[in-house]
Amino acid sequence: MKRRPVYTHAQMKRLVAPETVAIIGLSKNGKSFGARTAANLAGFTGRVFGVNPGGGTIHGVDCFASI
């Protein structure tokens, strides 16, 4: 089996230090996975966007109706 090349530093940085995060399925339910994720990202300095069919702003996160 042929081995895949090792990831570069730039490729790994995109994964562990992203500039933008999308929360797919962000919901108004405060106990949902998306709401908890938004709360955990409170100190994140990059851009955070939510995806919810209703759009608008949920838990302080601007949402798009679809990706």
C-alpha atoms as a PDB file:
ATOM      1  CA  MET A   1       0.000   0.000   0.000  1.00  0.00           C
ATOM      2  CA  LYS A   2       1.301   3.441  -0.968  1.00  0.00           C
ATOM      3  CA  ARG A   3       1.605   5.872   1.935  1.00  0.00           C
ATOM      4  CA  ARG A   4       0.138   9.313   1.689  1.00  0.00           C
ATOM      5  CA  PRO A   5       2.556  12.248   2.120  1.00  0.00           C
ATOM      6  CA  VAL A   6       2.764  13.946   5.512  1.00  0.00           C
ATOM      7  CA  TYR A   7       0.670  17.093   5.905  1.00  0.00           C
ATOM      8  CA  THR A   8       2.535  20.381   5.606  1.00  0.00           C
ATOM      9  CA  HIS A   9       2.645  22.943   8.405  1.00  0.00           C
ATOM     10  CA  ALA A  10       0.244  25.207   6.475  1.00  0.00           C
ATOM     11  CA  GLN A  11      -2.246  22.365   6.018  1.00  0.00           C
ATOM     12  CA  MET A  12      -2.154  21.484   9.723  1.00  0.00           C
ATOM     13  CA  LYS A  13      -2.503  25.150  10.749  1.00  0.00           C
ATOM     14  CA  ARG A  14      -5.805  25.388   8.862  1.00  0.00           C
ATOM     15  CA  LEU A  15      -7.108  22.537  11.013  1.00  0.00           C
ATOM     16  CA  VAL A  16      -5.805  23.500  14.454  1.00  0.00           C
ATOM     17  CA  ALA A  17      -5.841  27.321  14.130  1.00  0.00           C
ATOM     18  CA  PRO A  18      -8.664  28.235  11.731  1.00  0.00           C
ATOM     19  CA  GLU A  19      -9.511  31.819  10.836  1.00  0.00           C
ATOM     20  CA  THR A  20     -13.215  31.073  10.263  1.00  0.00           C
ATOM     21  CA  VAL A  21     -15.587  28.488  11.772  1.00  0.00           C
ATOM     22  CA  ALA A  22     -19.080  27.516  10.613  1.00  0.00           C
ATOM     23  CA  ILE A  23     -21.524  25.925  13.046  1.00  0.00           C
ATOM     24  CA  ILE A  24     -23.794  23.785  10.892  1.00  0.00           C
ATOM     25  CA  GLY A  25     -27.235  23.306  12.420  1.00  0.00           C
ATOM     26  CA  LEU A  26     -27.067  26.116  14.976  1.00  0.00           C
ATOM     27  CA  SER A  27     -30.375  26.108  16.816  1.00  0.00           C
ATOM     28  CA  LYS A  28     -32.232  28.383  19.236  1.00  0.00           C
ATOM     29  CA  ASN A  29     -32.358  25.513  21.722  1.00  0.00           C
ATOM     30  CA  GLY A  30     -29.781  26.478  24.347  1.00  0.00           C
ATOM     31  CA  LYS A  31     -29.012  22.834  25.119  1.00  0.00           C
ATOM     32  CA  SER A  32     -28.311  21.828  21.517  1.00  0.00           C
ATOM     33  CA  PHE A  33     -24.883  20.795  20.271  1.00  0.00           C
ATOM     34  CA  GLY A  34     -24.722  23.922  18.108  1.00  0.00           C
ATOM     35  CA  ALA A  35     -25.539  26.238  21.024  1.00  0.00           C
ATOM     36  CA  ARG A  36     -22.888  24.594  23.191  1.00  0.00           C
ATOM     37  CA  THR A  37     -20.402  24.890  20.339  1.00  0.00           C
ATOM     38  CA  ALA A  38     -21.191  28.614  19.993  1.00  0.00           C
ATOM     39  CA  ALA A  39     -20.638  29.057  23.743  1.00  0.00           C
ATOM     40  CA  ASN A  40     -17.318  27.196  23.550  1.00  0.00           C
ATOM     41  CA  LEU A  41     -16.206  29.518  20.740  1.00  0.00           C
ATOM     42  CA  ALA A  42     -16.903  32.665  22.793  1.00  0.00           C
ATOM     43  CA  GLY A  43     -13.190  33.507  23.081  1.00  0.00           C
ATOM     44  CA  PHE A  44     -12.389  32.611  19.469  1.00  0.00           C
ATOM     45  CA  THR A  45     -10.884  35.626  17.701  1.00  0.00           C
ATOM     46  CA  GLY A  46     -11.739  34.512  14.166  1.00  0.00           C
ATOM     47  CA  ARG A  47     -15.041  34.742  12.316  1.00  0.00           C
ATOM     48  CA  VAL A  48     -17.904  32.478  13.397  1.00  0.00           C
ATOM     49  CA  PHE A  49     -20.949  31.844  11.212  1.00  0.00           C
ATOM     50  CA  GLY A  50     -23.970  29.700  11.856  1.00  0.00           C
ATOM     51  CA  VAL A  51     -26.086  27.742   9.429  1.00  0.00           C
ATOM     52  CA  ASN A  52     -29.795  27.545  10.207  1.00  0.00           C
ATOM     53  CA  PRO A  53     -32.704  27.376   7.731  1.00  0.00           C
ATOM     54  CA  GLY A  54     -34.244  30.464   9.347  1.00  0.00           C
ATOM     55  CA  GLY A  55     -31.115  32.597   9.030  1.00  0.00           C
ATOM     56  CA  GLY A  56     -30.872  35.636  11.334  1.00  0.00           C
ATOM     57  CA  THR A  57     -28.808  35.762  14.505  1.00  0.00           C
ATOM     58  CA  ILE A  58     -28.820  32.923  17.032  1.00  0.00           C
ATOM     59  CA  HIS A  59     -26.847  33.041  20.311  1.00  0.00           C
ATOM     60  CA  GLY A  60     -25.056  36.127  18.987  1.00  0.00           C
ATOM     61  CA  VAL A  61     -23.894  34.320  15.841  1.00  0.00           C
ATOM     62  CA  ASP A  62     -24.924  35.573  12.390  1.00  0.00           C
ATOM     63  CA  CYS A  63     -26.553  32.706  10.479  1.00  0.00           C
ATOM     64  CA  PHE A  64     -27.024  31.833   6.855  1.00  0.00           C
ATOM     65  CA  ALA A  65     -29.980  29.746   5.679  1.00  0.00           C
ATOM     66  CA  SER A  66     -27.700  27.301   3.836  1.00  0.00           C
ATOM     67  CA  ILE A  67     -24.081  26.662   2.962  1.00  0.00           C
END
